[in-house]
Amino acid sequence: MNSKQISYLRGLAHNLNPVVMISNKGLSESVLKEINVSLDAHELIKIKVMGDDRALRAKLLTDICEQTNAIAVHHIGKQLVIYRQSTKPKIVIPQK
């Protein structure tokens, strides 16, 4: 995905509310399942991480993307935004 497409998704995510929250306990199986369900339903989701450790949040974003086959769109503060196209796409991403 190129930078223009990522920017487009970032703009769409601006008005979204977090659908999943990750507590200080970290990334559990139930949290991953909820992320997968949300990605299937919405394609583009926002996740809120409760911890204060920036490096841990960056690692969580990488881990989530690897385990769900999603694309990291944005990470600012305690908010993570990820995207995964569903079998019936709801979001039309510009090609250029």
Protein backbone atom coordinates (compact mmCIF):
# COMPACT_ATOMS: atom_id res chain seq x y z
CA MET A 1 0.00 0.00 0.00
CA ASN A 2 1.43 3.39 -0.93
CA SER A 3 1.54 6.56 1.18
CA LYS A 4 -1.47 8.16 -0.54
CA GLN A 5 -3.62 5.13 0.24
CA ILE A 6 -2.43 5.12 3.86
CA SER A 7 -3.25 8.85 4.09
CA TYR A 8 -6.72 8.18 2.72
CA LEU A 9 -7.34 5.49 5.34
CA ARG A 10 -5.95 7.74 8.07
CA GLY A 11 -8.47 10.38 7.06
CA LEU A 12 -11.32 7.89 7.21
CA ALA A 13 -10.18 6.71 10.65
CA HIS A 14 -10.19 10.23 12.09
CA ASN A 15 -13.87 10.09 13.07
CA LEU A 16 -13.84 6.49 14.30
CA ASN A 17 -14.16 5.54 17.94
CA PRO A 18 -12.02 2.72 19.36
CA VAL A 19 -13.79 -0.64 19.04
CA VAL A 20 -11.21 -2.64 21.00
CA MET A 21 -9.32 -1.70 24.15
CA ILE A 22 -6.15 -3.44 25.28
CA SER A 23 -5.54 -3.30 29.02
CA ASN A 24 -2.23 -3.56 30.84
CA LYS A 25 -2.56 -7.35 30.62
CA GLY A 26 -1.57 -7.13 26.95
CA LEU A 27 -2.62 -9.02 23.87
CA SER A 28 -4.65 -12.09 24.81
CA GLU A 29 -6.43 -14.63 22.62
CA SER A 30 -9.81 -13.05 23.36
CA VAL A 31 -8.53 -9.59 22.38
CA LEU A 32 -7.14 -10.97 19.11
CA LYS A 33 -10.45 -12.69 18.42
CA GLU A 34 -12.32 -9.42 19.01
CA ILE A 35 -9.90 -7.58 16.69
CA ASN A 36 -10.48 -10.18 13.96
CA VAL A 37 -14.26 -9.93 14.36
CA SER A 38 -14.09 -6.12 14.20
CA LEU A 39 -11.85 -6.18 11.13
CA ASP A 40 -14.26 -8.54 9.37
CA ALA A 41 -17.15 -6.23 10.18
CA HIS A 42 -15.55 -2.82 9.58
CA GLU A 43 -12.22 -3.29 7.73
CA LEU A 44 -10.77 -0.14 9.34
CA ILE A 45 -10.68 -0.06 13.14
CA LYS A 46 -9.22 1.98 15.95
CA ILE A 47 -7.73 0.27 18.99
CA LYS A 48 -7.00 1.97 22.31
CA VAL A 49 -4.03 0.73 24.36
CA MET A 50 -4.06 1.55 28.08
CA GLY A 51 -0.31 1.27 28.80
CA ASP A 52 2.01 4.27 28.93
CA ASP A 53 5.01 2.56 27.31
CA ARG A 54 5.38 3.83 23.73
CA ALA A 55 7.74 1.02 22.69
CA LEU A 56 5.24 -1.55 23.98
CA ARG A 57 2.43 0.07 21.96
CA ALA A 58 4.59 -0.01 18.82
CA LYS A 59 5.33 -3.71 19.44
CA LEU A 60 1.63 -4.40 20.01
CA LEU A 61 0.82 -2.76 16.67
CA THR A 62 3.39 -4.94 14.90
CA ASP A 63 2.18 -8.09 16.68
CA ILE A 64 -1.48 -7.36 15.91
CA CYS A 65 -0.75 -6.75 12.24
CA GLU A 66 1.29 -9.95 11.94
CA GLN A 67 -1.31 -12.11 13.69
CA THR A 68 -4.34 -10.69 11.86
CA ASN A 69 -2.78 -10.03 8.42
CA ALA A 70 -3.74 -6.37 8.78
CA ILE A 71 -1.94 -3.22 7.67
CA ALA A 72 -0.78 -0.64 10.20
CA VAL A 73 -2.35 2.67 9.19
CA HIS A 74 -1.53 4.95 12.11
CA HIS A 75 -0.14 5.02 15.64
CA ILE A 76 -0.55 8.20 17.61
CA GLY A 77 -0.54 8.31 21.36
CA LYS A 78 -2.56 5.42 22.74
CA GLN A 79 -4.53 4.95 19.51
CA LEU A 80 -3.69 2.33 16.90
CA VAL A 81 -5.43 2.20 13.53
CA ILE A 82 -5.33 -0.93 11.40
CA TYR A 83 -6.92 -2.02 8.12
CA ARG A 84 -7.68 -5.38 6.55
CA GLN A 85 -9.77 -5.72 3.43
CA SER A 86 -12.67 -8.11 3.87
CA THR A 87 -13.98 -10.58 1.30
CA LYS A 88 -16.73 -8.06 0.46
CA PRO A 89 -14.87 -4.71 0.57
CA LYS A 90 -16.73 -1.79 2.13
CA ILE A 91 -13.98 0.78 1.69
CA VAL A 92 -12.90 1.76 -1.80
CA ILE A 93 -9.24 2.77 -1.70
CA PRO A 94 -7.96 5.04 -4.48
CA GLN A 95 -5.48 3.27 -6.74
CA LYS A 96 -3.14 6.25 -7.13
